[in-house]
Amino acid sequence: MGNNLYEAVGYGKHAGQQIERKVAEGARRESRALAVSGDADERGRTLRQIVESIERSFDDAEALTQQSVRHPTDPSLTAVSVLPVLPDADCWPNVYVQCGFDFDPARESRSGLSPHISPP
């Protein structure tokens, strides 16, 4: 088990792949059924209504101001600032990689060689 948030955890050699495959197949089946037949989802919404709801949520988030934000349980609390989170068009094309090192890459090797090269 690692710190990969997207890795399914299970038992057996290919348990994670099986779980991902089942989830993907279910989502694919549901979206195909909505697109082809226009049937409603489990909450009674059509594909068009779902898309409109998602687009409306982005419009609502964009319209937020510091004065309009209210705490859900304590009205005496006020926002200090409102920051846009998603979608960030400037950072959207960036690709991030999380990796770990077996050694501290900022620390120089005692032998003077690169850390990945062992002395003879």
PDB file of N, CA and C in Angstrom:
ATOM      1  N   MET A   1       0.853  -1.170   0.000  1.00  0.00           N
ATOM      2  CA  MET A   1       0.000   0.000   0.000  1.00  0.00           C
ATOM      3  C   MET A   1       0.898   1.231   0.000  1.00  0.00           C
ATOM      4  N   GLY A   2       0.566   2.198  -0.826  1.00  0.00           N
ATOM      5  CA  GLY A   2       1.351   3.419  -0.915  1.00  0.00           C
ATOM      6  C   GLY A   2       0.501   4.627  -0.592  1.00  0.00           C
ATOM      7  N   ASN A   3       0.989   5.780  -0.977  1.00  0.00           N
ATOM      8  CA  ASN A   3       0.237   7.002  -0.717  1.00  0.00           C
ATOM      9  C   ASN A   3      -0.470   7.506  -1.965  1.00  0.00           C
ATOM     10  N   ASN A   4      -0.667   6.646  -2.951  1.00  0.00           N
ATOM     11  CA  ASN A   4      -1.375   7.014  -4.167  1.00  0.00           C
ATOM     12  C   ASN A   4      -2.868   7.057  -3.868  1.00  0.00           C
ATOM     13  N   LEU A   5      -3.464   8.248  -3.949  1.00  0.00           N
ATOM     14  CA  LEU A   5      -4.881   8.401  -3.621  1.00  0.00           C
ATOM     15  C   LEU A   5      -5.791   7.721  -4.631  1.00  0.00           C
ATOM     16  N   TYR A   6      -5.285   7.470  -5.833  1.00  0.00           N
ATOM     17  CA  TYR A   6      -6.116   6.911  -6.889  1.00  0.00           C
ATOM     18  C   TYR A   6      -5.937   5.410  -7.037  1.00  0.00           C
ATOM     19  N   GLU A   7      -5.122   4.814  -6.190  1.00  0.00           N
ATOM     20  CA  GLU A   7      -4.882   3.387  -6.258  1.00  0.00           C
ATOM     21  C   GLU A   7      -5.911   2.669  -5.392  1.00  0.00           C
ATOM     22  N   ALA A   8      -6.631   1.748  -5.994  1.00  0.00           N
ATOM     23  CA  ALA A   8      -7.625   0.998  -5.240  1.00  0.00           C
ATOM     24  C   ALA A   8      -6.911   0.021  -4.315  1.00  0.00           C
ATOM     25  N   VAL A   9      -7.420  -0.130  -3.111  1.00  0.00           N
ATOM     26  CA  VAL A   9      -6.814  -1.022  -2.137  1.00  0.00           C
ATOM     27  C   VAL A   9      -7.698  -2.249  -2.021  1.00  0.00           C
ATOM     28  N   GLY A  10      -7.110  -3.402  -2.128  1.00  0.00           N
ATOM     29  CA  GLY A  10      -7.880  -4.635  -2.024  1.00  0.00           C
ATOM     30  C   GLY A  10      -6.939  -5.788  -1.760  1.00  0.00           C
ATOM     31  N   TYR A  11      -7.460  -6.982  -1.854  1.00  0.00           N
ATOM     32  CA  TYR A  11      -6.668  -8.168  -1.619  1.00  0.00           C
ATOM     33  C   TYR A  11      -6.493  -8.898  -2.934  1.00  0.00           C
ATOM     34  N   GLY A  12      -5.392  -9.566  -3.071  1.00  0.00           N
ATOM     35  CA  GLY A  12      -5.124 -10.314  -4.284  1.00  0.00           C
ATOM     36  C   GLY A  12      -4.238  -9.531  -5.227  1.00  0.00           C
ATOM     37  N   LYS A  13      -3.766 -10.240  -6.225  1.00  0.00           N
ATOM     38  CA  LYS A  13      -2.785  -9.654  -7.132  1.00  0.00           C
ATOM     39  C   LYS A  13      -3.357  -8.509  -7.961  1.00  0.00           C
ATOM     40  N   HIS A  14      -4.570  -8.637  -8.447  1.00  0.00           N
ATOM     41  CA  HIS A  14      -5.154  -7.638  -9.343  1.00  0.00           C
ATOM     42  C   HIS A  14      -6.444  -7.046  -8.777  1.00  0.00           C
ATOM     43  N   ALA A  15      -6.558  -6.999  -7.456  1.00  0.00           N
ATOM     44  CA  ALA A  15      -7.798  -6.523  -6.833  1.00  0.00           C
ATOM     45  C   ALA A  15      -8.095  -5.084  -7.204  1.00  0.00           C
ATOM     46  N   GLY A  16      -7.093  -4.226  -7.211  1.00  0.00           N
ATOM     47  CA  GLY A  16      -7.295  -2.820  -7.544  1.00  0.00           C
ATOM     48  C   GLY A  16      -7.792  -2.637  -8.954  1.00  0.00           C
ATOM     49  N   GLN A  17      -7.240  -3.393  -9.893  1.00  0.00           N
ATOM     50  CA  GLN A  17      -7.668  -3.292 -11.281  1.00  0.00           C
ATOM     51  C   GLN A  17      -9.104  -3.760 -11.439  1.00  0.00           C
ATOM     52  N   GLN A  18      -9.485  -4.799 -10.716  1.00  0.00           N
ATOM     53  CA  GLN A  18     -10.852  -5.303 -10.803  1.00  0.00           C
ATOM     54  C   GLN A  18     -11.842  -4.267 -10.293  1.00  0.00           C
ATOM     55  N   ILE A  19     -11.518  -3.600  -9.206  1.00  0.00           N
ATOM     56  CA  ILE A  19     -12.408  -2.582  -8.654  1.00  0.00           C
ATOM     57  C   ILE A  19     -12.540  -1.425  -9.628  1.00  0.00           C
ATOM     58  N   GLU A  20     -11.415  -0.951 -10.169  1.00  0.00           N
ATOM     59  CA  GLU A  20     -11.453   0.145 -11.135  1.00  0.00           C
ATOM     60  C   GLU A  20     -12.272  -0.233 -12.357  1.00  0.00           C
ATOM     61  N   ARG A  21     -12.108  -1.452 -12.836  1.00  0.00           N
ATOM     62  CA  ARG A  21     -12.830  -1.909 -14.018  1.00  0.00           C
ATOM     63  C   ARG A  21     -14.336  -1.915 -13.753  1.00  0.00           C
ATOM     64  N   LYS A  22     -14.747  -2.389 -12.573  1.00  0.00           N
ATOM     65  CA  LYS A  22     -16.173  -2.423 -12.244  1.00  0.00           C
ATOM     66  C   LYS A  22     -16.762  -1.017 -12.173  1.00  0.00           C
ATOM     67  N   VAL A  23     -16.035  -0.091 -11.548  1.00  0.00           N
ATOM     68  CA  VAL A  23     -16.515   1.287 -11.442  1.00  0.00           C
ATOM     69  C   VAL A  23     -16.617   1.918 -12.819  1.00  0.00           C
ATOM     70  N   ALA A  24     -15.594   1.724 -13.646  1.00  0.00           N
ATOM     71  CA  ALA A  24     -15.594   2.304 -14.992  1.00  0.00           C
ATOM     72  C   ALA A  24     -16.712   1.719 -15.842  1.00  0.00           C
ATOM     73  N   GLU A  25     -16.935   0.417 -15.739  1.00  0.00           N
ATOM     74  CA  GLU A  25     -18.006  -0.210 -16.516  1.00  0.00           C
ATOM     75  C   GLU A  25     -19.364   0.323 -16.085  1.00  0.00           C
ATOM     76  N   GLY A  26     -19.566   0.493 -14.791  1.00  0.00           N
ATOM     77  CA  GLY A  26     -20.835   1.030 -14.302  1.00  0.00           C
ATOM     78  C   GLY A  26     -21.069   2.451 -14.767  1.00  0.00           C
ATOM     79  N   ALA A  27     -20.045   3.286 -14.704  1.00  0.00           N
ATOM     80  CA  ALA A  27     -20.174   4.673 -15.157  1.00  0.00           C
ATOM     81  C   ALA A  27     -20.414   4.728 -16.653  1.00  0.00           C
ATOM     82  N   ARG A  28     -19.705   3.902 -17.407  1.00  0.00           N
ATOM     83  CA  ARG A  28     -19.876   3.871 -18.858  1.00  0.00           C
ATOM     84  C   ARG A  28     -21.296   3.425 -19.224  1.00  0.00           C
ATOM     85  N   ARG A  29     -21.785   2.403 -18.551  1.00  0.00           N
ATOM     86  CA  ARG A  29     -23.129   1.892 -18.819  1.00  0.00           C
ATOM     87  C   ARG A  29     -24.185   2.958 -18.513  1.00  0.00           C
ATOM     88  N   GLU A  30     -24.015   3.647 -17.381  1.00  0.00           N
ATOM     89  CA  GLU A  30     -24.983   4.671 -16.991  1.00  0.00           C
ATOM     90  C   GLU A  30     -24.968   5.853 -17.956  1.00  0.00           C
ATOM     91  N   SER A  31     -23.778   6.324 -18.340  1.00  0.00           N
ATOM     92  CA  SER A  31     -23.714   7.470 -19.245  1.00  0.00           C
ATOM     93  C   SER A  31     -24.224   7.103 -20.630  1.00  0.00           C
ATOM     94  N   ARG A  32     -23.960   5.880 -21.084  1.00  0.00           N
ATOM     95  CA  ARG A  32     -24.465   5.446 -22.385  1.00  0.00           C
ATOM     96  C   ARG A  32     -25.994   5.377 -22.360  1.00  0.00           C
ATOM     97  N   ALA A  33     -26.557   4.861 -21.284  1.00  0.00           N
ATOM     98  CA  ALA A  33     -28.015   4.771 -21.178  1.00  0.00           C
ATOM     99  C   ALA A  33     -28.646   6.155 -21.162  1.00  0.00           C
ATOM    100  N   LEU A  34     -28.039   7.094 -20.453  1.00  0.00           N
ATOM    101  CA  LEU A  34     -28.570   8.457 -20.417  1.00  0.00           C
ATOM    102  C   LEU A  34     -28.476   9.127 -21.781  1.00  0.00           C
ATOM    103  N   ALA A  35     -27.353   8.956 -22.461  1.00  0.00           N
ATOM    104  CA  ALA A  35     -27.153   9.622 -23.749  1.00  0.00           C
ATOM    105  C   ALA A  35     -28.048   9.043 -24.829  1.00  0.00           C
ATOM    106  N   VAL A  36     -28.218   7.735 -24.830  1.00  0.00           N
ATOM    107  CA  VAL A  36     -28.985   7.087 -25.896  1.00  0.00           C
ATOM    108  C   VAL A  36     -30.480   7.271 -25.705  1.00  0.00           C
ATOM    109  N   SER A  37     -30.964   6.967 -24.537  1.00  0.00           N
ATOM    110  CA  SER A  37     -32.413   6.951 -24.348  1.00  0.00           C
ATOM    111  C   SER A  37     -32.966   8.224 -23.731  1.00  0.00           C
ATOM    112  N   GLY A  38     -32.118   9.022 -23.119  1.00  0.00           N
ATOM    113  CA  GLY A  38     -32.620  10.220 -22.455  1.00  0.00           C
ATOM    114  C   GLY A  38     -33.353   9.898 -21.167  1.00  0.00           C
ATOM    115  N   ASP A  39     -33.214   8.662 -20.697  1.00  0.00           N
ATOM    116  CA  ASP A  39     -33.869   8.259 -19.453  1.00  0.00           C
ATOM    117  C   ASP A  39     -33.296   9.043 -18.284  1.00  0.00           C
ATOM    118  N   ALA A  40     -34.007   9.025 -17.206  1.00  0.00           N
ATOM    119  CA  ALA A  40     -33.585   9.745 -16.005  1.00  0.00           C
ATOM    120  C   ALA A  40     -32.631   8.886 -15.185  1.00  0.00           C
ATOM    121  N   ASP A  41     -31.785   9.554 -14.402  1.00  0.00           N
ATOM    122  CA  ASP A  41     -30.903   8.834 -13.496  1.00  0.00           C
ATOM    123  C   ASP A  41     -31.685   8.434 -12.255  1.00  0.00           C
ATOM    124  N   GLU A  42     -30.977   7.938 -11.230  1.00  0.00           N
ATOM    125  CA  GLU A  42     -31.665   7.459 -10.022  1.00  0.00           C
ATOM    126  C   GLU A  42     -32.398   8.561  -9.282  1.00  0.00           C
ATOM    127  N   ARG A  43     -32.037   9.828  -9.534  1.00  0.00           N
ATOM    128  CA  ARG A  43     -32.724  10.950  -8.888  1.00  0.00           C
ATOM    129  C   ARG A  43     -33.786  11.561  -9.795  1.00  0.00           C
ATOM    130  N   GLY A  44     -34.025  10.955 -10.958  1.00  0.00           N
ATOM    131  CA  GLY A  44     -35.076  11.430 -11.848  1.00  0.00           C
ATOM    132  C   GLY A  44     -34.652  12.544 -12.789  1.00  0.00           C
ATOM    133  N   ARG A  45     -33.334  12.768 -12.947  1.00  0.00           N
ATOM    134  CA  ARG A  45     -32.856  13.843 -13.813  1.00  0.00           C
ATOM    135  C   ARG A  45     -32.369  13.274 -15.140  1.00  0.00           C
ATOM    136  N   THR A  46     -32.662  13.986 -16.222  1.00  0.00           N
ATOM    137  CA  THR A  46     -32.160  13.578 -17.527  1.00  0.00           C
ATOM    138  C   THR A  46     -30.730  14.068 -17.685  1.00  0.00           C
ATOM    139  N   LEU A  47     -30.067  13.603 -18.739  1.00  0.00           N
ATOM    140  CA  LEU A  47     -28.692  14.016 -18.997  1.00  0.00           C
ATOM    141  C   LEU A  47     -28.610  15.529 -19.174  1.00  0.00           C
ATOM    142  N   ARG A  48     -29.551  16.108 -19.875  1.00  0.00           N
ATOM    143  CA  ARG A  48     -29.568  17.563 -20.081  1.00  0.00           C
ATOM    144  C   ARG A  48     -29.688  18.300 -18.743  1.00  0.00           C
ATOM    145  N   GLN A  49     -30.541  17.818 -17.853  1.00  0.00           N
ATOM    146  CA  GLN A  49     -30.708  18.457 -16.545  1.00  0.00           C
ATOM    147  C   GLN A  49     -29.434  18.343 -15.705  1.00  0.00           C
ATOM    148  N   ILE A  50     -28.745  17.219 -15.812  1.00  0.00           N
ATOM    149  CA  ILE A  50     -27.502  17.031 -15.073  1.00  0.00           C
ATOM    150  C   ILE A  50     -26.452  18.017 -15.567  1.00  0.00           C
ATOM    151  N   VAL A  51     -26.309  18.147 -16.889  1.00  0.00           N
ATOM    152  CA  VAL A  51     -25.329  19.074 -17.464  1.00  0.00           C
ATOM    153  C   VAL A  51     -25.667  20.505 -17.075  1.00  0.00           C
ATOM    154  N   GLU A  52     -26.941  20.882 -17.147  1.00  0.00           N
ATOM    155  CA  GLU A  52     -27.348  22.239 -16.767  1.00  0.00           C
ATOM    156  C   GLU A  52     -27.060  22.508 -15.294  1.00  0.00           C
ATOM    157  N   SER A  53     -27.274  21.514 -14.447  1.00  0.00           N
ATOM    158  CA  SER A  53     -27.001  21.669 -13.019  1.00  0.00           C
ATOM    159  C   SER A  53     -25.512  21.893 -12.766  1.00  0.00           C
ATOM    160  N   ILE A  54     -24.673  21.162 -13.469  1.00  0.00           N
ATOM    161  CA  ILE A  54     -23.223  21.324 -13.318  1.00  0.00           C
ATOM    162  C   ILE A  54     -22.797  22.705 -13.787  1.00  0.00           C
ATOM    163  N   GLU A  55     -23.286  23.132 -14.953  1.00  0.00           N
ATOM    164  CA  GLU A  55     -22.932  24.458 -15.471  1.00  0.00           C
ATOM    165  C   GLU A  55     -23.428  25.559 -14.536  1.00  0.00           C
ATOM    166  N   ARG A  56     -24.609  25.388 -13.962  1.00  0.00           N
ATOM    167  CA  ARG A  56     -25.154  26.368 -13.024  1.00  0.00           C
ATOM    168  C   ARG A  56     -24.287  26.460 -11.768  1.00  0.00           C
ATOM    169  N   SER A  57     -23.747  25.319 -11.316  1.00  0.00           N
ATOM    170  CA  SER A  57     -22.899  25.341 -10.118  1.00  0.00           C
ATOM    171  C   SER A  57     -21.624  26.145 -10.363  1.00  0.00           C
ATOM    172  N   PHE A  58     -21.067  26.080 -11.582  1.00  0.00           N
ATOM    173  CA  PHE A  58     -19.892  26.897 -11.896  1.00  0.00           C
ATOM    174  C   PHE A  58     -20.257  28.373 -11.929  1.00  0.00           C
ATOM    175  N   ASP A  59     -21.430  28.700 -12.477  1.00  0.00           N
ATOM    176  CA  ASP A  59     -21.878  30.101 -12.494  1.00  0.00           C
ATOM    177  C   ASP A  59     -22.077  30.621 -11.075  1.00  0.00           C
ATOM    178  N   ASP A  60     -22.679  29.791 -10.216  1.00  0.00           N
ATOM    179  CA  ASP A  60     -22.898  30.191  -8.822  1.00  0.00           C
ATOM    180  C   ASP A  60     -21.573  30.409  -8.096  1.00  0.00           C
ATOM    181  N   ALA A  61     -20.609  29.533  -8.338  1.00  0.00           N
ATOM    182  CA  ALA A  61     -19.300  29.673  -7.688  1.00  0.00           C
ATOM    183  C   ALA A  61     -18.587  30.925  -8.167  1.00  0.00           C
ATOM    184  N   GLU A  62     -18.741  31.257  -9.443  1.00  0.00           N
ATOM    185  CA  GLU A  62     -18.098  32.455  -9.989  1.00  0.00           C
ATOM    186  C   GLU A  62     -18.721  33.731  -9.422  1.00  0.00           C
ATOM    187  N   ALA A  63     -19.995  33.664  -9.066  1.00  0.00           N
ATOM    188  CA  ALA A  63     -20.700  34.842  -8.563  1.00  0.00           C
ATOM    189  C   ALA A  63     -20.441  35.106  -7.074  1.00  0.00           C
ATOM    190  N   LEU A  64     -19.734  34.211  -6.399  1.00  0.00           N
ATOM    191  CA  LEU A  64     -19.470  34.403  -4.971  1.00  0.00           C
ATOM    192  C   LEU A  64     -18.604  35.634  -4.736  1.00  0.00           C
ATOM    193  N   THR A  65     -18.976  36.389  -3.735  1.00  0.00           N
ATOM    194  CA  THR A  65     -18.169  37.529  -3.310  1.00  0.00           C
ATOM    195  C   THR A  65     -17.895  37.380  -1.822  1.00  0.00           C
ATOM    196  N   GLN A  66     -17.026  38.195  -1.320  1.00  0.00           N
ATOM    197  CA  GLN A  66     -16.676  38.128   0.096  1.00  0.00           C
ATOM    198  C   GLN A  66     -17.897  38.406   0.970  1.00  0.00           C
ATOM    199  N   GLN A  67     -18.775  39.290   0.526  1.00  0.00           N
ATOM    200  CA  GLN A  67     -19.955  39.638   1.322  1.00  0.00           C
ATOM    201  C   GLN A  67     -21.047  38.565   1.232  1.00  0.00           C
ATOM    202  N   SER A  68     -21.091  37.809   0.137  1.00  0.00           N
ATOM    203  CA  SER A  68     -22.176  36.842  -0.031  1.00  0.00           C
ATOM    204  C   SER A  68     -21.896  35.491   0.626  1.00  0.00           C
ATOM    205  N   VAL A  69     -20.667  35.221   1.003  1.00  0.00           N
ATOM    206  CA  VAL A  69     -20.329  33.938   1.620  1.00  0.00           C
ATOM    207  C   VAL A  69     -20.764  33.946   3.077  1.00  0.00           C
ATOM    208  N   ARG A  70     -21.521  32.924   3.467  1.00  0.00           N
ATOM    209  CA  ARG A  70     -22.010  32.793   4.845  1.00  0.00           C
ATOM    210  C   ARG A  70     -21.602  31.439   5.404  1.00  0.00           C
ATOM    211  N   HIS A  71     -21.231  31.423   6.677  1.00  0.00           N
ATOM    212  CA  HIS A  71     -20.904  30.173   7.352  1.00  0.00           C
ATOM    213  C   HIS A  71     -22.199  29.397   7.554  1.00  0.00           C
ATOM    214  N   PRO A  72     -22.186  28.072   7.340  1.00  0.00           N
ATOM    215  CA  PRO A  72     -23.435  27.306   7.418  1.00  0.00           C
ATOM    216  C   PRO A  72     -24.060  27.228   8.807  1.00  0.00           C
ATOM    217  N   THR A  73     -23.255  27.317   9.881  1.00  0.00           N
ATOM    218  CA  THR A  73     -23.831  27.166  11.219  1.00  0.00           C
ATOM    219  C   THR A  73     -23.639  28.379  12.113  1.00  0.00           C
ATOM    220  N   ASP A  74     -22.658  29.240  11.820  1.00  0.00           N
ATOM    221  CA  ASP A  74     -22.387  30.391  12.672  1.00  0.00           C
ATOM    222  C   ASP A  74     -22.410  31.675  11.844  1.00  0.00           C
ATOM    223  N   PRO A  75     -23.548  32.372  11.812  1.00  0.00           N
ATOM    224  CA  PRO A  75     -23.660  33.574  10.983  1.00  0.00           C
ATOM    225  C   PRO A  75     -22.762  34.727  11.425  1.00  0.00           C
ATOM    226  N   SER A  76     -22.188  34.650  12.632  1.00  0.00           N
ATOM    227  CA  SER A  76     -21.315  35.737  13.074  1.00  0.00           C
ATOM    228  C   SER A  76     -19.939  35.685  12.394  1.00  0.00           C
ATOM    229  N   LEU A  77     -19.594  34.539  11.814  1.00  0.00           N
ATOM    230  CA  LEU A  77     -18.317  34.410  11.117  1.00  0.00           C
ATOM    231  C   LEU A  77     -18.428  35.001   9.717  1.00  0.00           C
ATOM    232  N   THR A  78     -17.405  35.746   9.314  1.00  0.00           N
ATOM    233  CA  THR A  78     -17.402  36.342   7.977  1.00  0.00           C
ATOM    234  C   THR A  78     -16.137  35.929   7.234  1.00  0.00           C
ATOM    235  N   ALA A  79     -16.230  35.931   5.925  1.00  0.00           N
ATOM    236  CA  ALA A  79     -15.090  35.550   5.089  1.00  0.00           C
ATOM    237  C   ALA A  79     -14.064  36.672   5.059  1.00  0.00           C
ATOM    238  N   VAL A  80     -12.804  36.303   5.132  1.00  0.00           N
ATOM    239  CA  VAL A  80     -11.719  37.268   5.027  1.00  0.00           C
ATOM    240  C   VAL A  80     -11.362  37.470   3.560  1.00  0.00           C
ATOM    241  N   SER A  81     -11.409  36.388   2.785  1.00  0.00           N
ATOM    242  CA  SER A  81     -11.165  36.474   1.348  1.00  0.00           C
ATOM    243  C   SER A  81     -11.833  35.293   0.662  1.00  0.00           C
ATOM    244  N   VAL A  82     -12.072  35.435  -0.629  1.00  0.00           N
ATOM    245  CA  VAL A  82     -12.659  34.370  -1.437  1.00  0.00           C
ATOM    246  C   VAL A  82     -11.696  34.102  -2.578  1.00  0.00           C
ATOM    247  N   LEU A  83     -11.230  32.867  -2.668  1.00  0.00           N
ATOM    248  CA  LEU A  83     -10.261  32.501  -3.692  1.00  0.00           C
ATOM    249  C   LEU A  83     -10.889  31.546  -4.696  1.00  0.00           C
ATOM    250  N   PRO A  84     -10.664  31.762  -5.976  1.00  0.00           N
ATOM    251  CA  PRO A  84     -11.157  30.802  -6.970  1.00  0.00           C
ATOM    252  C   PRO A  84     -10.319  29.526  -6.909  1.00  0.00           C
ATOM    253  N   VAL A  85     -10.975  28.388  -6.921  1.00  0.00           N
ATOM    254  CA  VAL A  85     -10.249  27.131  -6.820  1.00  0.00           C
ATOM    255  C   VAL A  85     -10.294  26.367  -8.140  1.00  0.00           C
ATOM    256  N   LEU A  86     -11.473  26.083  -8.630  1.00  0.00           N
ATOM    257  CA  LEU A  86     -11.626  25.313  -9.864  1.00  0.00           C
ATOM    258  C   LEU A  86     -12.577  26.013 -10.805  1.00  0.00           C
ATOM    259  N   PRO A  87     -12.446  25.902 -12.052  1.00  0.00           N
ATOM    260  CA  PRO A  87     -11.261  25.458 -12.774  1.00  0.00           C
ATOM    261  C   PRO A  87     -10.259  26.589 -12.891  1.00  0.00           C
ATOM    262  N   ASP A  88      -9.001  26.266 -12.837  1.00  0.00           N
ATOM    263  CA  ASP A  88      -7.925  27.244 -12.972  1.00  0.00           C
ATOM    264  C   ASP A  88      -7.327  27.097 -14.368  1.00  0.00           C
ATOM    265  N   ALA A  89      -7.709  27.978 -15.280  1.00  0.00           N
ATOM    266  CA  ALA A  89      -7.287  27.873 -16.675  1.00  0.00           C
ATOM    267  C   ALA A  89      -5.780  28.008 -16.825  1.00  0.00           C
ATOM    268  N   ASP A  90      -5.128  28.754 -15.940  1.00  0.00           N
ATOM    269  CA  ASP A  90      -3.675  28.923 -16.041  1.00  0.00           C
ATOM    270  C   ASP A  90      -2.929  27.643 -15.657  1.00  0.00           C
ATOM    271  N   CYS A  91      -3.445  26.917 -14.677  1.00  0.00           N
ATOM    272  CA  CYS A  91      -2.755  25.711 -14.213  1.00  0.00           C
ATOM    273  C   CYS A  91      -3.304  24.426 -14.837  1.00  0.00           C
ATOM    274  N   TRP A  92      -4.374  24.524 -15.591  1.00  0.00           N
ATOM    275  CA  TRP A  92      -5.027  23.331 -16.140  1.00  0.00           C
ATOM    276  C   TRP A  92      -4.072  22.457 -16.951  1.00  0.00           C
ATOM    277  N   PRO A  93      -3.231  23.020 -17.847  1.00  0.00           N
ATOM    278  CA  PRO A  93      -2.385  22.143 -18.668  1.00  0.00           C
ATOM    279  C   PRO A  93      -1.164  21.583 -17.937  1.00  0.00           C
ATOM    280  N   ASN A  94      -0.907  22.016 -16.704  1.00  0.00           N
ATOM    281  CA  ASN A  94       0.266  21.530 -15.972  1.00  0.00           C
ATOM    282  C   ASN A  94       0.128  20.053 -15.624  1.00  0.00           C
ATOM    283  N   VAL A  95       1.233  19.356 -15.639  1.00  0.00           N
ATOM    284  CA  VAL A  95       1.272  17.951 -15.250  1.00  0.00           C
ATOM    285  C   VAL A  95       2.155  17.853 -14.009  1.00  0.00           C
ATOM    286  N   TYR A  96       1.653  17.205 -12.970  1.00  0.00           N
ATOM    287  CA  TYR A  96       2.396  17.081 -11.723  1.00  0.00           C
ATOM    288  C   TYR A  96       2.741  15.621 -11.479  1.00  0.00           C
ATOM    289  N   VAL A  97       3.913  15.395 -10.921  1.00  0.00           N
ATOM    290  CA  VAL A  97       4.366  14.048 -10.608  1.00  0.00           C
ATOM    291  C   VAL A  97       4.790  14.020  -9.146  1.00  0.00           C
ATOM    292  N   GLN A  98       4.285  13.035  -8.431  1.00  0.00           N
ATOM    293  CA  GLN A  98       4.701  12.859  -7.047  1.00  0.00           C
ATOM    294  C   GLN A  98       5.704  11.713  -7.021  1.00  0.00           C
ATOM    295  N   CYS A  99       6.844  11.953  -6.441  1.00  0.00           N
ATOM    296  CA  CYS A  99       7.850  10.900  -6.388  1.00  0.00           C
ATOM    297  C   CYS A  99       8.573  10.946  -5.047  1.00  0.00           C
ATOM    298  N   GLY A 100       9.253   9.885  -4.753  1.00  0.00           N
ATOM    299  CA  GLY A 100      10.027   9.801  -3.526  1.00  0.00           C
ATOM    300  C   GLY A 100      11.466   9.431  -3.851  1.00  0.00           C
ATOM    301  N   PHE A 101      12.381   9.877  -3.038  1.00  0.00           N
ATOM    302  CA  PHE A 101      13.795   9.590  -3.234  1.00  0.00           C
ATOM    303  C   PHE A 101      14.270   8.650  -2.136  1.00  0.00           C
ATOM    304  N   ASP A 102      15.207   7.787  -2.486  1.00  0.00           N
ATOM    305  CA  ASP A 102      15.834   6.913  -1.497  1.00  0.00           C
ATOM    306  C   ASP A 102      16.894   7.660  -0.704  1.00  0.00           C
ATOM    307  N   PHE A 103      17.231   8.854  -1.151  1.00  0.00           N
ATOM    308  CA  PHE A 103      18.256   9.662  -0.516  1.00  0.00           C
ATOM    309  C   PHE A 103      17.818  11.119  -0.606  1.00  0.00           C
ATOM    310  N   ASP A 104      18.493  11.973   0.109  1.00  0.00           N
ATOM    311  CA  ASP A 104      18.205  13.399   0.053  1.00  0.00           C
ATOM    312  C   ASP A 104      18.931  13.981  -1.154  1.00  0.00           C
ATOM    313  N   PRO A 105      18.228  14.374  -2.213  1.00  0.00           N
ATOM    314  CA  PRO A 105      18.898  14.853  -3.419  1.00  0.00           C
ATOM    315  C   PRO A 105      19.631  16.175  -3.213  1.00  0.00           C
ATOM    316  N   ALA A 106      19.300  16.922  -2.174  1.00  0.00           N
ATOM    317  CA  ALA A 106      19.965  18.193  -1.921  1.00  0.00           C
ATOM    318  C   ALA A 106      21.280  18.005  -1.172  1.00  0.00           C
ATOM    319  N   ARG A 107      21.464  16.845  -0.599  1.00  0.00           N
ATOM    320  CA  ARG A 107      22.667  16.568   0.188  1.00  0.00           C
ATOM    321  C   ARG A 107      23.746  15.970  -0.709  1.00  0.00           C
ATOM    322  N   GLU A 108      24.942  16.461  -0.594  1.00  0.00           N
ATOM    323  CA  GLU A 108      26.033  15.950  -1.423  1.00  0.00           C
ATOM    324  C   GLU A 108      26.520  14.609  -0.887  1.00  0.00           C
ATOM    325  N   SER A 109      26.943  13.779  -1.804  1.00  0.00           N
ATOM    326  CA  SER A 109      27.483  12.475  -1.438  1.00  0.00           C
ATOM    327  C   SER A 109      28.871  12.645  -0.832  1.00  0.00           C
ATOM    328  N   ARG A 110      29.227  11.801   0.147  1.00  0.00           N
ATOM    329  CA  ARG A 110      30.546  11.872   0.771  1.00  0.00           C
ATOM    330  C   ARG A 110      31.652  11.480  -0.211  1.00  0.00           C
ATOM    331  N   SER A 111      31.311  10.616  -1.159  1.00  0.00           N
ATOM    332  CA  SER A 111      32.327  10.153  -2.101  1.00  0.00           C
ATOM    333  C   SER A 111      32.569  11.154  -3.221  1.00  0.00           C
ATOM    334  N   GLY A 112      31.724  12.161  -3.332  1.00  0.00           N
ATOM    335  CA  GLY A 112      31.862  13.134  -4.405  1.00  0.00           C
ATOM    336  C   GLY A 112      31.186  12.693  -5.689  1.00  0.00           C
ATOM    337  N   LEU A 113      30.705  11.457  -5.721  1.00  0.00           N
ATOM    338  CA  LEU A 113      29.998  10.955  -6.895  1.00  0.00           C
ATOM    339  C   LEU A 113      28.519  11.254  -6.760  1.00  0.00           C
ATOM    340  N   SER A 114      27.826  11.155  -7.852  1.00  0.00           N
ATOM    341  CA  SER A 114      26.378  11.315  -7.804  1.00  0.00           C
ATOM    342  C   SER A 114      25.804  10.210  -6.934  1.00  0.00           C
ATOM    343  N   PRO A 115      24.721  10.474  -6.197  1.00  0.00           N
ATOM    344  CA  PRO A 115      24.164   9.470  -5.286  1.00  0.00           C
ATOM    345  C   PRO A 115      23.740   8.181  -5.984  1.00  0.00           C
ATOM    346  N   HIS A 116      23.377   8.248  -7.268  1.00  0.00           N
ATOM    347  CA  HIS A 116      22.926   7.035  -7.942  1.00  0.00           C
ATOM    348  C   HIS A 116      24.084   6.203  -8.498  1.00  0.00           C
ATOM    349  N   ILE A 117      25.321   6.725  -8.387  1.00  0.00           N
ATOM    350  CA  ILE A 117      26.489   5.987  -8.862  1.00  0.00           C
ATOM    351  C   ILE A 117      27.265   5.507  -7.644  1.00  0.00           C
ATOM    352  N   SER A 118      27.411   4.210  -7.516  1.00  0.00           N
ATOM    353  CA  SER A 118      28.140   3.685  -6.364  1.00  0.00           C
ATOM    354  C   SER A 118      29.629   3.606  -6.688  1.00  0.00           C
ATOM    355  N   PRO A 119      30.490   3.882  -5.703  1.00  0.00           N
ATOM    356  CA  PRO A 119      31.932   3.816  -5.960  1.00  0.00           C
ATOM    357  C   PRO A 119      32.360   2.389  -6.271  1.00  0.00           C
ATOM    358  N   PRO A 120      33.416   2.215  -7.095  1.00  0.00           N
ATOM    359  CA  PRO A 120      33.858   0.850  -7.470  1.00  0.00           C
ATOM    360  C   PRO A 120      34.468   0.096  -6.318  1.00  0.00           C
TER     361      PRO A 120
END
